Protein backbone atom coordinates (compact mmCIF):
# COMPACT_ATOMS: atom_id res chain seq x y z
CA MET A 1 -137.60 -90.65 -15.13
CA ALA A 2 -141.11 -89.19 -15.51
CA LYS A 3 -141.17 -90.19 -19.20
CA VAL A 4 -139.99 -93.70 -18.36
CA ALA A 5 -142.63 -94.04 -15.65
CA ASP A 6 -145.32 -92.81 -18.04
CA ALA A 7 -144.20 -95.25 -20.73
CA ALA A 8 -144.24 -98.08 -18.19
CA GLY A 9 -147.70 -97.09 -16.99
CA ILE A 10 -146.61 -96.51 -13.41
CA SER A 11 -146.05 -93.49 -11.20
CA ARG A 12 -142.62 -91.97 -10.81
CA PRO A 13 -142.45 -92.94 -7.10
CA ALA A 14 -143.32 -96.52 -8.09
CA LEU A 15 -140.46 -96.50 -10.59
CA TYR A 16 -138.07 -95.61 -7.78
CA GLN A 17 -139.18 -98.72 -5.93
CA TYR A 18 -137.57 -100.73 -8.73
CA PHE A 19 -134.58 -98.50 -9.53
CA ALA A 20 -132.57 -96.30 -7.18
CA ASP A 21 -131.79 -93.67 -9.80
CA ARG A 22 -131.29 -93.07 -13.53
CA SER A 23 -127.96 -94.84 -13.64
CA ASP A 24 -129.53 -97.92 -12.00
CA LEU A 25 -132.33 -97.90 -14.59
CA PHE A 26 -129.87 -97.36 -17.43
CA THR A 27 -127.63 -100.18 -16.20
CA ALA A 28 -130.56 -102.59 -15.91
CA ALA A 29 -131.92 -101.73 -19.36
CA PHE A 30 -128.56 -101.96 -21.10
CA SER A 31 -127.64 -105.16 -19.28
CA LEU A 32 -130.84 -106.73 -20.58
CA LEU A 33 -130.09 -105.56 -24.12
CA LEU A 34 -126.55 -106.93 -23.95
CA GLU A 35 -127.84 -110.30 -22.81
CA GLU A 36 -130.49 -110.39 -25.55
CA HIS A 37 -127.93 -109.59 -28.25
CA THR A 38 -125.54 -112.19 -26.86
CA ASP A 39 -128.31 -114.81 -26.86
CA ALA A 40 -129.23 -113.92 -30.45
CA ALA A 41 -125.58 -114.06 -31.54
CA LEU A 42 -125.04 -117.47 -30.00
CA GLY A 43 -128.32 -118.66 -31.52
CA ALA A 44 -127.05 -117.67 -34.97
CA LEU A 45 -124.25 -120.21 -34.61
CA SER A 46 -126.70 -123.09 -34.70
CA GLY A 47 -128.75 -124.39 -37.54
CA ASP A 48 -128.17 -126.09 -40.81
CA VAL A 49 -126.55 -123.20 -42.66
CA PRO A 50 -123.01 -122.77 -43.95
CA LEU A 51 -120.35 -121.62 -41.48
CA VAL A 52 -120.01 -118.27 -43.22
CA ASP A 53 -123.71 -117.58 -42.59
CA GLN A 54 -123.39 -118.66 -38.98
CA LEU A 55 -120.43 -116.34 -38.44
CA ASP A 56 -122.12 -113.47 -40.24
CA GLY A 57 -125.28 -113.99 -38.19
CA TYR A 58 -123.21 -114.03 -35.01
CA LEU A 59 -121.49 -110.75 -35.89
CA GLN A 60 -124.67 -109.08 -37.13
CA ARG A 61 -126.64 -109.97 -33.97
CA LEU A 62 -123.82 -109.13 -31.55
CA TYR A 63 -122.47 -105.98 -33.20
CA GLY A 64 -124.48 -104.96 -36.28
CA ASP A 65 -127.93 -104.83 -34.68
CA PRO A 66 -126.86 -102.71 -31.68
CA TYR A 67 -124.80 -100.42 -33.92
CA ALA A 68 -127.75 -99.87 -36.25
CA ALA A 69 -130.10 -99.26 -33.32
CA MET A 70 -127.77 -96.69 -31.76
CA ALA A 71 -127.38 -94.93 -35.10
CA THR A 72 -131.12 -94.23 -35.20
CA LEU A 73 -131.21 -92.61 -31.77
CA GLN A 74 -130.86 -88.87 -31.42
CA HIS A 75 -128.30 -89.33 -28.66
CA GLY A 76 -126.97 -92.73 -29.72
CA GLU A 77 -123.34 -91.70 -29.40
CA GLU A 78 -123.99 -90.49 -25.84
CA PHE A 79 -125.62 -93.84 -25.02
CA MET A 80 -122.55 -95.66 -26.25
CA GLU A 81 -120.33 -93.43 -24.10
CA ALA A 82 -122.56 -94.09 -21.09
CA HIS A 83 -122.45 -97.80 -21.92
CA HIS A 84 -118.73 -97.77 -21.24
CA GLN A 85 -119.14 -95.77 -18.04
CA PHE A 86 -121.98 -97.74 -16.40
CA LEU A 87 -121.75 -101.23 -17.81
CA THR A 88 -118.21 -102.40 -17.44
CA GLY A 89 -119.15 -105.57 -15.53
CA ALA A 90 -122.25 -106.40 -17.56
CA ALA A 91 -120.49 -105.71 -20.85
CA GLU A 92 -117.51 -107.83 -19.87
CA ASN A 93 -119.76 -110.73 -18.83
CA ALA A 94 -121.73 -110.58 -22.08
CA LYS A 95 -118.55 -110.31 -24.14
CA ARG A 96 -116.99 -113.26 -22.30
CA ARG A 97 -120.10 -115.38 -22.77
CA ALA A 98 -120.22 -114.58 -26.50
CA HIS A 99 -116.49 -115.22 -26.88
CA ASP A 100 -116.65 -118.55 -25.02
CA GLY A 101 -119.67 -119.65 -27.04
CA LEU A 102 -117.95 -118.80 -30.31
CA ARG A 103 -114.76 -120.59 -29.23
CA SER A 104 -116.75 -123.74 -28.38
CA HIS A 105 -118.63 -123.55 -31.66
CA LEU A 106 -115.45 -123.23 -33.73
CA ARG A 107 -113.87 -126.14 -31.88
CA ALA A 108 -116.91 -128.36 -32.44
CA SER A 109 -117.86 -127.35 -35.97
CA THR A 110 -114.55 -127.01 -37.82
CA SER A 111 -111.54 -129.19 -38.43
CA ALA A 112 -109.20 -126.19 -38.34
CA ASP A 113 -106.19 -126.47 -36.06
CA ARG A 114 -106.06 -124.64 -32.74
CA ARG A 115 -103.80 -121.87 -34.05
CA THR A 116 -106.21 -121.07 -36.87
CA ARG A 117 -109.24 -121.19 -34.58
CA THR A 118 -107.52 -118.88 -32.09
CA GLY A 119 -106.56 -116.44 -34.87
CA VAL A 120 -110.10 -116.42 -36.24
CA LEU A 121 -111.54 -115.93 -32.78
CA GLU A 122 -109.26 -112.93 -32.26
CA LEU A 123 -110.17 -111.57 -35.69
CA LEU A 124 -113.88 -111.89 -34.99
CA THR A 125 -113.71 -110.25 -31.59
CA LEU A 126 -110.96 -107.64 -31.79
CA SER A 127 -111.34 -106.32 -35.34
CA ILE A 128 -114.78 -104.93 -34.54
CA ILE A 129 -113.21 -102.03 -32.65
CA GLY A 130 -111.43 -100.88 -35.78
CA LEU A 131 -114.41 -101.40 -38.06
CA LYS A 132 -116.34 -98.61 -36.39
CA GLN A 133 -113.50 -96.11 -35.80
CA ASP A 134 -114.62 -93.90 -38.67
CA GLN A 135 -118.30 -94.09 -37.58
CA PRO A 136 -119.58 -95.67 -40.79
CA SER A 137 -123.25 -95.85 -41.69
CA PRO A 138 -125.05 -98.92 -40.33
CA ASN A 139 -125.10 -100.44 -43.84
CA ALA A 140 -121.36 -99.92 -44.30
CA PHE A 141 -120.68 -101.39 -40.85
CA ARG A 142 -122.84 -104.43 -41.67
CA ARG A 143 -120.94 -104.92 -44.96
CA ARG A 144 -117.67 -104.85 -43.03
CA LEU A 145 -118.98 -107.46 -40.60
CA THR A 146 -120.00 -109.70 -43.50
CA PHE A 147 -116.54 -109.37 -45.03
CA ILE A 148 -114.93 -110.33 -41.71
CA ALA A 149 -117.25 -113.37 -41.50
CA GLU A 150 -116.33 -114.40 -45.06
CA THR A 151 -112.63 -114.00 -44.35
CA ALA A 152 -112.90 -116.03 -41.15
CA ALA A 153 -114.87 -118.82 -42.84
CA ARG A 154 -112.25 -119.06 -45.61
CA ALA A 155 -109.45 -119.26 -43.04
CA LEU A 156 -111.27 -122.01 -41.14
CA SER A 157 -111.90 -124.08 -44.26
CA ALA A 158 -108.43 -123.71 -45.76
CA PRO A 159 -106.52 -126.98 -46.05
């Protein structure tokens, strides 16, 4: 907490006026990061670019960027473990908002039937868990995300 206070340019007692303890600080910081990545992911779905690029941008902002950032941290794996312990509500809200935004985008921007859209939505949200099981390098993880985006775009544009 002393290092955080120093970095923020305030005293340690002043920091405790904003946060009750380390877990409160951690929860607030990670909640903000989750929201920023969700905003960036949803932003990638707009614009005048092909659907495959929109989907890849969505996946890269929502999953690739945080994965790469955690990989550079000395204790990145511990942060991810703590993420699950402290951020259940915040993570679920961010995930739901991203999922709902993607669902709306697929409905509005493709002519694919509901079954296909639902399958693609599941592919884009659930496959990510498996893509990082073997703890790939950030570059390998990003390549996997791109492949998933390409596969999803092909499924959505199939006749």
